[in-house]
Amino acid sequence: MTSIFNIIDIKFCKTVFKLSLVFFLTSLILQVYISNKIAVESVDMVKLTKEKDATTLRIEKLRQETSQFSSLSYIEKRAESLGLISYVGSLRSIEPVTVASLVNVQKNSQ
């Protein structure tokens, strides 16, 4: 009887060993795959972060250029370099036209 139990125990132990080995190898391969995937994504993330920083820097430089080019002193210097002269006369403002409102009043009174 003990020999039957020994054979069953040996078969059971071999089966458990084989299953444990398969489980270990599967988990090891899965761990390597996941670690590799995370490392690749991390490299991509670093690359994208550097691109974002470069783009942000470029945007700030363009904002500074826009501010510089829209300043009144730059416009005056540029106008003088193009040969324009300063206007020394007085300016008049255009008064709003009230004809349209008179037309509406005449239509309403009829």
PDB file of N, CA and C in Angstrom:
ATOM      1  N   MET A   1       0.804  -1.190   0.000  1.00  0.00           N
ATOM      2  CA  MET A   1       0.000   0.000   0.000  1.00  0.00           C
ATOM      3  C   MET A   1       0.851   1.259   0.000  1.00  0.00           C
ATOM      4  N   THR A   2       1.914   1.185   0.691  1.00  0.00           N
ATOM      5  CA  THR A   2       2.756   2.357   0.751  1.00  0.00           C
ATOM      6  C   THR A   2       3.377   2.656  -0.598  1.00  0.00           C
ATOM      7  N   SER A   3       3.591   1.659  -1.393  1.00  0.00           N
ATOM      8  CA  SER A   3       4.163   1.904  -2.707  1.00  0.00           C
ATOM      9  C   SER A   3       3.178   2.637  -3.619  1.00  0.00           C
ATOM     10  N   ILE A   4       1.871   2.357  -3.460  1.00  0.00           N
ATOM     11  CA  ILE A   4       0.851   3.062  -4.252  1.00  0.00           C
ATOM     12  C   ILE A   4       0.826   4.539  -3.847  1.00  0.00           C
ATOM     13  N   PHE A   5       0.875   4.808  -2.541  1.00  0.00           N
ATOM     14  CA  PHE A   5       0.884   6.187  -2.071  1.00  0.00           C
ATOM     15  C   PHE A   5       2.157   6.909  -2.515  1.00  0.00           C
ATOM     16  N   ASN A   6       3.237   6.206  -2.540  1.00  0.00           N
ATOM     17  CA  ASN A   6       4.494   6.811  -2.986  1.00  0.00           C
ATOM     18  C   ASN A   6       4.426   7.186  -4.463  1.00  0.00           C
ATOM     19  N   ILE A   7       3.827   6.315  -5.262  1.00  0.00           N
ATOM     20  CA  ILE A   7       3.694   6.598  -6.694  1.00  0.00           C
ATOM     21  C   ILE A   7       2.758   7.781  -6.894  1.00  0.00           C
ATOM     22  N   ILE A   8       1.648   7.792  -6.171  1.00  0.00           N
ATOM     23  CA  ILE A   8       0.701   8.912  -6.275  1.00  0.00           C
ATOM     24  C   ILE A   8       1.363  10.193  -5.793  1.00  0.00           C
ATOM     25  N   ASP A   9       2.086  10.138  -4.697  1.00  0.00           N
ATOM     26  CA  ASP A   9       2.774  11.315  -4.171  1.00  0.00           C
ATOM     27  C   ASP A   9       3.831  11.824  -5.154  1.00  0.00           C
ATOM     28  N   ILE A  10       4.551  10.912  -5.784  1.00  0.00           N
ATOM     29  CA  ILE A  10       5.579  11.311  -6.745  1.00  0.00           C
ATOM     30  C   ILE A  10       4.936  11.949  -7.965  1.00  0.00           C
ATOM     31  N   LYS A  11       3.838  11.375  -8.467  1.00  0.00           N
ATOM     32  CA  LYS A  11       3.138  11.947  -9.616  1.00  0.00           C
ATOM     33  C   LYS A  11       2.567  13.326  -9.247  1.00  0.00           C
ATOM     34  N   PHE A  12       1.997  13.400  -8.078  1.00  0.00           N
ATOM     35  CA  PHE A  12       1.425  14.670  -7.622  1.00  0.00           C
ATOM     36  C   PHE A  12       2.524  15.726  -7.489  1.00  0.00           C
ATOM     37  N   CYS A  13       3.634  15.349  -6.921  1.00  0.00           N
ATOM     38  CA  CYS A  13       4.750  16.286  -6.754  1.00  0.00           C
ATOM     39  C   CYS A  13       5.287  16.734  -8.112  1.00  0.00           C
ATOM     40  N   LYS A  14       5.399  15.814  -9.054  1.00  0.00           N
ATOM     41  CA  LYS A  14       5.875  16.178 -10.393  1.00  0.00           C
ATOM     42  C   LYS A  14       4.885  17.127 -11.067  1.00  0.00           C
ATOM     43  N   THR A  15       3.596  16.867 -10.923  1.00  0.00           N
ATOM     44  CA  THR A  15       2.574  17.728 -11.520  1.00  0.00           C
ATOM     45  C   THR A  15       2.618  19.122 -10.888  1.00  0.00           C
ATOM     46  N   VAL A  16       2.726  19.174  -9.596  1.00  0.00           N
ATOM     47  CA  VAL A  16       2.794  20.460  -8.903  1.00  0.00           C
ATOM     48  C   VAL A  16       4.064  21.196  -9.313  1.00  0.00           C
ATOM     49  N   PHE A  17       5.159  20.463  -9.432  1.00  0.00           N
ATOM     50  CA  PHE A  17       6.416  21.079  -9.856  1.00  0.00           C
ATOM     51  C   PHE A  17       6.289  21.662 -11.265  1.00  0.00           C
ATOM     52  N   LYS A  18       5.719  20.886 -12.184  1.00  0.00           N
ATOM     53  CA  LYS A  18       5.556  21.349 -13.570  1.00  0.00           C
ATOM     54  C   LYS A  18       4.646  22.577 -13.626  1.00  0.00           C
ATOM     55  N   LEU A  19       3.546  22.539 -12.894  1.00  0.00           N
ATOM     56  CA  LEU A  19       2.636  23.690 -12.870  1.00  0.00           C
ATOM     57  C   LEU A  19       3.313  24.914 -12.250  1.00  0.00           C
ATOM     58  N   SER A  20       4.066  24.686 -11.211  1.00  0.00           N
ATOM     59  CA  SER A  20       4.785  25.796 -10.574  1.00  0.00           C
ATOM     60  C   SER A  20       5.823  26.385 -11.523  1.00  0.00           C
ATOM     61  N   LEU A  21       6.512  25.517 -12.254  1.00  0.00           N
ATOM     62  CA  LEU A  21       7.506  25.978 -13.215  1.00  0.00           C
ATOM     63  C   LEU A  21       6.850  26.787 -14.329  1.00  0.00           C
ATOM     64  N   VAL A  22       5.725  26.297 -14.842  1.00  0.00           N
ATOM     65  CA  VAL A  22       5.002  27.022 -15.898  1.00  0.00           C
ATOM     66  C   VAL A  22       4.519  28.367 -15.357  1.00  0.00           C
ATOM     67  N   PHE A  23       3.962  28.368 -14.160  1.00  0.00           N
ATOM     68  CA  PHE A  23       3.488  29.618 -13.568  1.00  0.00           C
ATOM     69  C   PHE A  23       4.643  30.600 -13.352  1.00  0.00           C
ATOM     70  N   PHE A  24       5.766  30.104 -12.876  1.00  0.00           N
ATOM     71  CA  PHE A  24       6.931  30.952 -12.651  1.00  0.00           C
ATOM     72  C   PHE A  24       7.439  31.557 -13.959  1.00  0.00           C
ATOM     73  N   LEU A  25       7.578  30.732 -14.981  1.00  0.00           N
ATOM     74  CA  LEU A  25       8.065  31.232 -16.262  1.00  0.00           C
ATOM     75  C   LEU A  25       7.084  32.228 -16.886  1.00  0.00           C
ATOM     76  N   THR A  26       5.812  31.939 -16.785  1.00  0.00           N
ATOM     77  CA  THR A  26       4.801  32.858 -17.316  1.00  0.00           C
ATOM     78  C   THR A  26       4.855  34.199 -16.582  1.00  0.00           C
ATOM     79  N   SER A  27       4.938  34.155 -15.275  1.00  0.00           N
ATOM     80  CA  SER A  27       4.992  35.406 -14.518  1.00  0.00           C
ATOM     81  C   SER A  27       6.298  36.161 -14.789  1.00  0.00           C
ATOM     82  N   LEU A  28       7.390  35.446 -14.986  1.00  0.00           N
ATOM     83  CA  LEU A  28       8.662  36.086 -15.290  1.00  0.00           C
ATOM     84  C   LEU A  28       8.604  36.779 -16.652  1.00  0.00           C
ATOM     85  N   ILE A  29       8.080  36.102 -17.647  1.00  0.00           N
ATOM     86  CA  ILE A  29       7.947  36.690 -18.985  1.00  0.00           C
ATOM     87  C   ILE A  29       7.005  37.884 -18.944  1.00  0.00           C
ATOM     88  N   LEU A  30       5.910  37.758 -18.232  1.00  0.00           N
ATOM     89  CA  LEU A  30       4.959  38.862 -18.110  1.00  0.00           C
ATOM     90  C   LEU A  30       5.601  40.059 -17.405  1.00  0.00           C
ATOM     91  N   GLN A  31       6.368  39.812 -16.375  1.00  0.00           N
ATOM     92  CA  GLN A  31       7.049  40.892 -15.651  1.00  0.00           C
ATOM     93  C   GLN A  31       8.044  41.609 -16.555  1.00  0.00           C
ATOM     94  N   VAL A  32       8.816  40.849 -17.339  1.00  0.00           N
ATOM     95  CA  VAL A  32       9.777  41.457 -18.262  1.00  0.00           C
ATOM     96  C   VAL A  32       9.051  42.279 -19.314  1.00  0.00           C
ATOM     97  N   TYR A  33       7.945  41.752 -19.840  1.00  0.00           N
ATOM     98  CA  TYR A  33       7.181  42.470 -20.863  1.00  0.00           C
ATOM     99  C   TYR A  33       6.617  43.779 -20.310  1.00  0.00           C
ATOM    100  N   ILE A  34       6.030  43.716 -19.137  1.00  0.00           N
ATOM    101  CA  ILE A  34       5.439  44.915 -18.536  1.00  0.00           C
ATOM    102  C   ILE A  34       6.525  45.945 -18.216  1.00  0.00           C
ATOM    103  N   SER A  35       7.643  45.491 -17.671  1.00  0.00           N
ATOM    104  CA  SER A  35       8.739  46.419 -17.365  1.00  0.00           C
ATOM    105  C   SER A  35       9.275  47.078 -18.627  1.00  0.00           C
ATOM    106  N   ASN A  36       9.406  46.299 -19.689  1.00  0.00           N
ATOM    107  CA  ASN A  36       9.880  46.839 -20.961  1.00  0.00           C
ATOM    108  C   ASN A  36       8.884  47.851 -21.514  1.00  0.00           C
ATOM    109  N   LYS A  37       7.614  47.530 -21.434  1.00  0.00           N
ATOM    110  CA  LYS A  37       6.571  48.430 -21.936  1.00  0.00           C
ATOM    111  C   LYS A  37       6.592  49.750 -21.167  1.00  0.00           C
ATOM    112  N   ILE A  38       6.734  49.677 -19.862  1.00  0.00           N
ATOM    113  CA  ILE A  38       6.772  50.888 -19.039  1.00  0.00           C
ATOM    114  C   ILE A  38       8.029  51.698 -19.354  1.00  0.00           C
ATOM    115  N   ALA A  39       9.150  51.021 -19.551  1.00  0.00           N
ATOM    116  CA  ALA A  39      10.396  51.731 -19.862  1.00  0.00           C
ATOM    117  C   ALA A  39      10.290  52.443 -21.199  1.00  0.00           C
ATOM    118  N   VAL A  40       9.703  51.796 -22.197  1.00  0.00           N
ATOM    119  CA  VAL A  40       9.546  52.415 -23.516  1.00  0.00           C
ATOM    120  C   VAL A  40       8.619  53.618 -23.421  1.00  0.00           C
ATOM    121  N   GLU A  41       7.524  53.472 -22.690  1.00  0.00           N
ATOM    122  CA  GLU A  41       6.597  54.588 -22.529  1.00  0.00           C
ATOM    123  C   GLU A  41       7.248  55.723 -21.745  1.00  0.00           C
ATOM    124  N   SER A  42       8.118  55.381 -20.800  1.00  0.00           N
ATOM    125  CA  SER A  42       8.818  56.408 -20.039  1.00  0.00           C
ATOM    126  C   SER A  42       9.754  57.202 -20.944  1.00  0.00           C
ATOM    127  N   VAL A  43      10.446  56.502 -21.850  1.00  0.00           N
ATOM    128  CA  VAL A  43      11.328  57.189 -22.802  1.00  0.00           C
ATOM    129  C   VAL A  43      10.505  58.101 -23.702  1.00  0.00           C
ATOM    130  N   ASP A  44       9.350  57.600 -24.169  1.00  0.00           N
ATOM    131  CA  ASP A  44       8.467  58.431 -24.994  1.00  0.00           C
ATOM    132  C   ASP A  44       7.977  59.639 -24.209  1.00  0.00           C
ATOM    133  N   MET A  45       7.669  59.440 -22.934  1.00  0.00           N
ATOM    134  CA  MET A  45       7.184  60.538 -22.102  1.00  0.00           C
ATOM    135  C   MET A  45       8.264  61.604 -21.936  1.00  0.00           C
ATOM    136  N   VAL A  46       9.494  61.185 -21.740  1.00  0.00           N
ATOM    137  CA  VAL A  46      10.601  62.142 -21.608  1.00  0.00           C
ATOM    138  C   VAL A  46      10.768  62.918 -22.906  1.00  0.00           C
ATOM    139  N   LYS A  47      10.690  62.220 -24.031  1.00  0.00           N
ATOM    140  CA  LYS A  47      10.827  62.872 -25.335  1.00  0.00           C
ATOM    141  C   LYS A  47       9.705  63.890 -25.538  1.00  0.00           C
ATOM    142  N   LEU A  48       8.480  63.490 -25.222  1.00  0.00           N
ATOM    143  CA  LEU A  48       7.356  64.405 -25.391  1.00  0.00           C
ATOM    144  C   LEU A  48       7.441  65.597 -24.435  1.00  0.00           C
ATOM    145  N   THR A  49       7.952  65.372 -23.242  1.00  0.00           N
ATOM    146  CA  THR A  49       8.126  66.474 -22.291  1.00  0.00           C
ATOM    147  C   THR A  49       9.154  67.473 -22.811  1.00  0.00           C
ATOM    148  N   LYS A  50      10.239  66.965 -23.400  1.00  0.00           N
ATOM    149  CA  LYS A  50      11.246  67.861 -23.970  1.00  0.00           C
ATOM    150  C   LYS A  50      10.667  68.645 -25.139  1.00  0.00           C
ATOM    151  N   GLU A  51       9.868  67.994 -25.982  1.00  0.00           N
ATOM    152  CA  GLU A  51       9.235  68.694 -27.097  1.00  0.00           C
ATOM    153  C   GLU A  51       8.273  69.762 -26.594  1.00  0.00           C
ATOM    154  N   LYS A  52       7.531  69.441 -25.539  1.00  0.00           N
ATOM    155  CA  LYS A  52       6.596  70.408 -24.957  1.00  0.00           C
ATOM    156  C   LYS A  52       7.344  71.613 -24.407  1.00  0.00           C
ATOM    157  N   ASP A  53       8.450  71.367 -23.712  1.00  0.00           N
ATOM    158  CA  ASP A  53       9.246  72.470 -23.168  1.00  0.00           C
ATOM    159  C   ASP A  53       9.810  73.349 -24.278  1.00  0.00           C
ATOM    160  N   ALA A  54      10.280  72.714 -25.352  1.00  0.00           N
ATOM    161  CA  ALA A  54      10.816  73.486 -26.479  1.00  0.00           C
ATOM    162  C   ALA A  54       9.723  74.306 -27.141  1.00  0.00           C
ATOM    163  N   THR A  55       8.536  73.723 -27.273  1.00  0.00           N
ATOM    164  CA  THR A  55       7.420  74.442 -27.873  1.00  0.00           C
ATOM    165  C   THR A  55       6.984  75.602 -26.985  1.00  0.00           C
ATOM    166  N   THR A  56       6.946  75.382 -25.689  1.00  0.00           N
ATOM    167  CA  THR A  56       6.584  76.450 -24.756  1.00  0.00           C
ATOM    168  C   THR A  56       7.590  77.593 -24.828  1.00  0.00           C
ATOM    169  N   LEU A  57       8.864  77.250 -24.901  1.00  0.00           N
ATOM    170  CA  LEU A  57       9.900  78.275 -25.031  1.00  0.00           C
ATOM    171  C   LEU A  57       9.727  79.056 -26.329  1.00  0.00           C
ATOM    172  N   ARG A  58       9.426  78.362 -27.415  1.00  0.00           N
ATOM    173  CA  ARG A  58       9.212  79.017 -28.716  1.00  0.00           C
ATOM    174  C   ARG A  58       7.999  79.954 -28.647  1.00  0.00           C
ATOM    175  N   ILE A  59       6.946  79.518 -28.001  1.00  0.00           N
ATOM    176  CA  ILE A  59       5.749  80.360 -27.857  1.00  0.00           C
ATOM    177  C   ILE A  59       6.076  81.620 -27.071  1.00  0.00           C
ATOM    178  N   GLU A  60       6.841  81.479 -25.996  1.00  0.00           N
ATOM    179  CA  GLU A  60       7.219  82.650 -25.194  1.00  0.00           C
ATOM    180  C   GLU A  60       8.081  83.618 -25.996  1.00  0.00           C
ATOM    181  N   LYS A  61       8.989  83.079 -26.818  1.00  0.00           N
ATOM    182  CA  LYS A  61       9.806  83.959 -27.665  1.00  0.00           C
ATOM    183  C   LYS A  61       8.935  84.697 -28.675  1.00  0.00           C
ATOM    184  N   LEU A  62       7.962  83.995 -29.246  1.00  0.00           N
ATOM    185  CA  LEU A  62       7.057  84.641 -30.205  1.00  0.00           C
ATOM    186  C   LEU A  62       6.189  85.699 -29.527  1.00  0.00           C
ATOM    187  N   ARG A  63       5.762  85.436 -28.300  1.00  0.00           N
ATOM    188  CA  ARG A  63       4.987  86.447 -27.561  1.00  0.00           C
ATOM    189  C   ARG A  63       5.835  87.684 -27.297  1.00  0.00           C
ATOM    190  N   GLN A  64       7.099  87.459 -26.964  1.00  0.00           N
ATOM    191  CA  GLN A  64       7.994  88.587 -26.723  1.00  0.00           C
ATOM    192  C   GLN A  64       8.208  89.386 -28.008  1.00  0.00           C
ATOM    193  N   GLU A  65       8.396  88.695 -29.135  1.00  0.00           N
ATOM    194  CA  GLU A  65       8.540  89.389 -30.417  1.00  0.00           C
ATOM    195  C   GLU A  65       7.280  90.175 -30.754  1.00  0.00           C
ATOM    196  N   THR A  66       6.125  89.562 -30.541  1.00  0.00           N
ATOM    197  CA  THR A  66       4.865  90.242 -30.820  1.00  0.00           C
ATOM    198  C   THR A  66       4.731  91.498 -29.969  1.00  0.00           C
ATOM    199  N   SER A  67       5.075  91.381 -28.702  1.00  0.00           N
ATOM    200  CA  SER A  67       5.018  92.540 -27.812  1.00  0.00           C
ATOM    201  C   SER A  67       5.974  93.626 -28.272  1.00  0.00           C
ATOM    202  N   GLN A  68       7.159  93.212 -28.685  1.00  0.00           N
ATOM    203  CA  GLN A  68       8.154  94.181 -29.140  1.00  0.00           C
ATOM    204  C   GLN A  68       7.687  94.869 -30.423  1.00  0.00           C
ATOM    205  N   PHE A  69       7.178  94.104 -31.373  1.00  0.00           N
ATOM    206  CA  PHE A  69       6.762  94.679 -32.653  1.00  0.00           C
ATOM    207  C   PHE A  69       5.498  95.527 -32.539  1.00  0.00           C
ATOM    208  N   SER A  70       4.696  95.301 -31.520  1.00  0.00           N
ATOM    209  CA  SER A  70       3.478  96.099 -31.384  1.00  0.00           C
ATOM    210  C   SER A  70       3.669  97.313 -30.484  1.00  0.00           C
ATOM    211  N   SER A  71       4.868  97.505 -29.968  1.00  0.00           N
ATOM    212  CA  SER A  71       5.103  98.672 -29.111  1.00  0.00           C
ATOM    213  C   SER A  71       5.135  99.938 -29.974  1.00  0.00           C
ATOM    214  N   LEU A  72       4.681 101.022 -29.399  1.00  0.00           N
ATOM    215  CA  LEU A  72       4.596 102.290 -30.118  1.00  0.00           C
ATOM    216  C   LEU A  72       5.980 102.786 -30.534  1.00  0.00           C
ATOM    217  N   SER A  73       6.978 102.614 -29.701  1.00  0.00           N
ATOM    218  CA  SER A  73       8.321 103.098 -30.050  1.00  0.00           C
ATOM    219  C   SER A  73       8.864 102.339 -31.269  1.00  0.00           C
ATOM    220  N   TYR A  74       8.618 101.034 -31.344  1.00  0.00           N
ATOM    221  CA  TYR A  74       9.089 100.272 -32.507  1.00  0.00           C
ATOM    222  C   TYR A  74       8.361 100.725 -33.770  1.00  0.00           C
ATOM    223  N   ILE A  75       7.071 100.941 -33.651  1.00  0.00           N
ATOM    224  CA  ILE A  75       6.286 101.374 -34.823  1.00  0.00           C
ATOM    225  C   ILE A  75       6.766 102.739 -35.302  1.00  0.00           C
ATOM    226  N   GLU A  76       7.046 103.653 -34.365  1.00  0.00           N
ATOM    227  CA  GLU A  76       7.549 104.979 -34.745  1.00  0.00           C
ATOM    228  C   GLU A  76       8.907 104.875 -35.442  1.00  0.00           C
ATOM    229  N   LYS A  77       9.812 104.089 -34.902  1.00  0.00           N
ATOM    230  CA  LYS A  77      11.132 103.918 -35.517  1.00  0.00           C
ATOM    231  C   LYS A  77      11.007 103.278 -36.902  1.00  0.00           C
ATOM    232  N   ARG A  78      10.151 102.305 -37.011  1.00  0.00           N
ATOM    233  CA  ARG A  78       9.959 101.628 -38.306  1.00  0.00           C
ATOM    234  C   ARG A  78       9.352 102.591 -39.325  1.00  0.00           C
ATOM    235  N   ALA A  79       8.396 103.409 -38.892  1.00  0.00           N
ATOM    236  CA  ALA A  79       7.783 104.386 -39.792  1.00  0.00           C
ATOM    237  C   ALA A  79       8.817 105.401 -40.264  1.00  0.00           C
ATOM    238  N   GLU A  80       9.672 105.865 -39.355  1.00  0.00           N
ATOM    239  CA  GLU A  80      10.727 106.814 -39.737  1.00  0.00           C
ATOM    240  C   GLU A  80      11.717 106.180 -40.699  1.00  0.00           C
ATOM    241  N   SER A  81      12.038 104.898 -40.483  1.00  0.00           N
ATOM    242  CA  SER A  81      12.978 104.227 -41.389  1.00  0.00           C
ATOM    243  C   SER A  81      12.360 104.017 -42.770  1.00  0.00           C
ATOM    244  N   LEU A  82      11.044 103.964 -42.853  1.00  0.00           N
ATOM    245  CA  LEU A  82      10.366 103.839 -44.148  1.00  0.00           C
ATOM    246  C   LEU A  82      10.147 105.186 -44.823  1.00  0.00           C
ATOM    247  N   GLY A  83      10.508 106.283 -44.135  1.00  0.00           N
ATOM    248  CA  GLY A  83      10.418 107.609 -44.734  1.00  0.00           C
ATOM    249  C   GLY A  83       9.158 108.371 -44.383  1.00  0.00           C
ATOM    250  N   LEU A  84       8.381 107.893 -43.468  1.00  0.00           N
ATOM    251  CA  LEU A  84       7.183 108.628 -43.058  1.00  0.00           C
ATOM    252  C   LEU A  84       7.576 109.751 -42.112  1.00  0.00           C
ATOM    253  N   ILE A  85       6.813 110.828 -42.146  1.00  0.00           N
ATOM    254  CA  ILE A  85       7.109 111.964 -41.280  1.00  0.00           C
ATOM    255  C   ILE A  85       5.991 112.121 -40.264  1.00  0.00           C
ATOM    256  N   SER A  86       6.284 112.774 -39.175  1.00  0.00           N
ATOM    257  CA  SER A  86       5.290 112.981 -38.123  1.00  0.00           C
ATOM    258  C   SER A  86       4.257 114.013 -38.571  1.00  0.00           C
ATOM    259  N   TYR A  87       3.024 113.807 -38.195  1.00  0.00           N
ATOM    260  CA  TYR A  87       1.955 114.745 -38.497  1.00  0.00           C
ATOM    261  C   TYR A  87       1.928 115.794 -37.392  1.00  0.00           C
ATOM    262  N   VAL A  88       1.981 117.065 -37.775  1.00  0.00           N
ATOM    263  CA  VAL A  88       2.045 118.129 -36.777  1.00  0.00           C
ATOM    264  C   VAL A  88       0.733 118.892 -36.669  1.00  0.00           C
ATOM    265  N   GLY A  89      -0.214 118.645 -37.546  1.00  0.00           N
ATOM    266  CA  GLY A  89      -1.495 119.355 -37.505  1.00  0.00           C
ATOM    267  C   GLY A  89      -2.394 118.800 -36.418  1.00  0.00           C
ATOM    268  N   SER A  90      -3.553 119.413 -36.292  1.00  0.00           N
ATOM    269  CA  SER A  90      -4.501 118.943 -35.295  1.00  0.00           C
ATOM    270  C   SER A  90      -5.443 117.906 -35.931  1.00  0.00           C
ATOM    271  N   LEU A  91      -5.947 117.062 -35.120  1.00  0.00           N
ATOM    272  CA  LEU A  91      -6.861 116.022 -35.581  1.00  0.00           C
ATOM    273  C   LEU A  91      -8.280 116.379 -35.183  1.00  0.00           C
ATOM    274  N   ARG A  92      -9.208 116.054 -36.045  1.00  0.00           N
ATOM    275  CA  ARG A  92     -10.617 116.251 -35.714  1.00  0.00           C
ATOM    276  C   ARG A  92     -11.275 114.892 -35.603  1.00  0.00           C
ATOM    277  N   SER A  93     -12.212 114.831 -34.717  1.00  0.00           N
ATOM    278  CA  SER A  93     -12.942 113.568 -34.594  1.00  0.00           C
ATOM    279  C   SER A  93     -14.195 113.627 -35.460  1.00  0.00           C
ATOM    280  N   ILE A  94     -14.574 112.511 -35.968  1.00  0.00           N
ATOM    281  CA  ILE A  94     -15.790 112.440 -36.789  1.00  0.00           C
ATOM    282  C   ILE A  94     -16.960 112.232 -35.855  1.00  0.00           C
ATOM    283  N   GLU A  95     -17.944 113.090 -36.003  1.00  0.00           N
ATOM    284  CA  GLU A  95     -19.098 112.998 -35.128  1.00  0.00           C
ATOM    285  C   GLU A  95     -20.063 111.962 -35.677  1.00  0.00           C
ATOM    286  N   PRO A  96     -20.783 111.301 -34.812  1.00  0.00           N
ATOM    287  CA  PRO A  96     -21.708 110.268 -35.287  1.00  0.00           C
ATOM    288  C   PRO A  96     -22.844 110.881 -36.106  1.00  0.00           C
ATOM    289  N   VAL A  97     -23.263 110.139 -37.092  1.00  0.00           N
ATOM    290  CA  VAL A  97     -24.346 110.585 -37.966  1.00  0.00           C
ATOM    291  C   VAL A  97     -25.663 110.265 -37.291  1.00  0.00           C
ATOM    292  N   THR A  98     -26.563 111.269 -37.276  1.00  0.00           N
ATOM    293  CA  THR A  98     -27.860 111.070 -36.620  1.00  0.00           C
ATOM    294  C   THR A  98     -28.995 110.967 -37.625  1.00  0.00           C
ATOM    295  N   VAL A  99     -28.683 110.882 -38.917  1.00  0.00           N
ATOM    296  CA  VAL A  99     -29.715 110.821 -39.952  1.00  0.00           C
ATOM    297  C   VAL A  99     -30.543 109.557 -39.828  1.00  0.00           C
ATOM    298  N   ALA A 100     -29.904 108.469 -39.528  1.00  0.00           N
ATOM    299  CA  ALA A 100     -30.617 107.197 -39.444  1.00  0.00           C
ATOM    300  C   ALA A 100     -31.658 107.247 -38.344  1.00  0.00           C
ATOM    301  N   SER A 101     -31.368 107.898 -37.254  1.00  0.00           N
ATOM    302  CA  SER A 101     -32.338 107.969 -36.176  1.00  0.00           C
ATOM    303  C   SER A 101     -33.505 108.887 -36.549  1.00  0.00           C
ATOM    304  N   LEU A 102     -33.264 109.916 -37.350  1.00  0.00           N
ATOM    305  CA  LEU A 102     -34.363 110.776 -37.801  1.00  0.00           C
ATOM    306  C   LEU A 102     -35.291 110.022 -38.721  1.00  0.00           C
ATOM    307  N   VAL A 103     -34.744 109.184 -39.570  1.00  0.00           N
ATOM    308  CA  VAL A 103     -35.573 108.392 -40.468  1.00  0.00           C
ATOM    309  C   VAL A 103     -36.469 107.473 -39.668  1.00  0.00           C
ATOM    310  N   ASN A 104     -35.932 106.874 -38.651  1.00  0.00           N
ATOM    311  CA  ASN A 104     -36.735 105.976 -37.817  1.00  0.00           C
ATOM    312  C   ASN A 104     -37.831 106.739 -37.086  1.00  0.00           C
ATOM    313  N   VAL A 105     -37.566 107.968 -36.656  1.00  0.00           N
ATOM    314  CA  VAL A 105     -38.570 108.765 -35.954  1.00  0.00           C
ATOM    315  C   VAL A 105     -39.696 109.116 -36.922  1.00  0.00           C
ATOM    316  N   GLN A 106     -39.357 109.496 -38.169  1.00  0.00           N
ATOM    317  CA  GLN A 106     -40.378 109.858 -39.172  1.00  0.00           C
ATOM    318  C   GLN A 106     -41.241 108.656 -39.508  1.00  0.00           C
ATOM    319  N   LYS A 107     -40.674 107.463 -39.610  1.00  0.00           N
ATOM    320  CA  LYS A 107     -41.462 106.265 -39.915  1.00  0.00           C
ATOM    321  C   LYS A 107     -42.391 105.928 -38.779  1.00  0.00           C
ATOM    322  N   ASN A 108     -41.949 106.104 -37.555  1.00  0.00           N
ATOM    323  CA  ASN A 108     -42.785 105.788 -36.404  1.00  0.00           C
ATOM    324  C   ASN A 108     -43.947 106.773 -36.242  1.00  0.00           C
ATOM    325  N   SER A 109     -43.772 108.017 -36.624  1.00  0.00           N
ATOM    326  CA  SER A 109     -44.823 109.016 -36.443  1.00  0.00           C
ATOM    327  C   SER A 109     -45.918 108.877 -37.501  1.00  0.00           C
ATOM    328  N   GLN A 110     -45.660 108.257 -38.620  1.00  0.00           N
ATOM    329  CA  GLN A 110     -46.680 108.140 -39.677  1.00  0.00           C
ATOM    330  C   GLN A 110     -47.626 107.074 -39.384  1.00  0.00           C
TER     331      GLN A 110
END
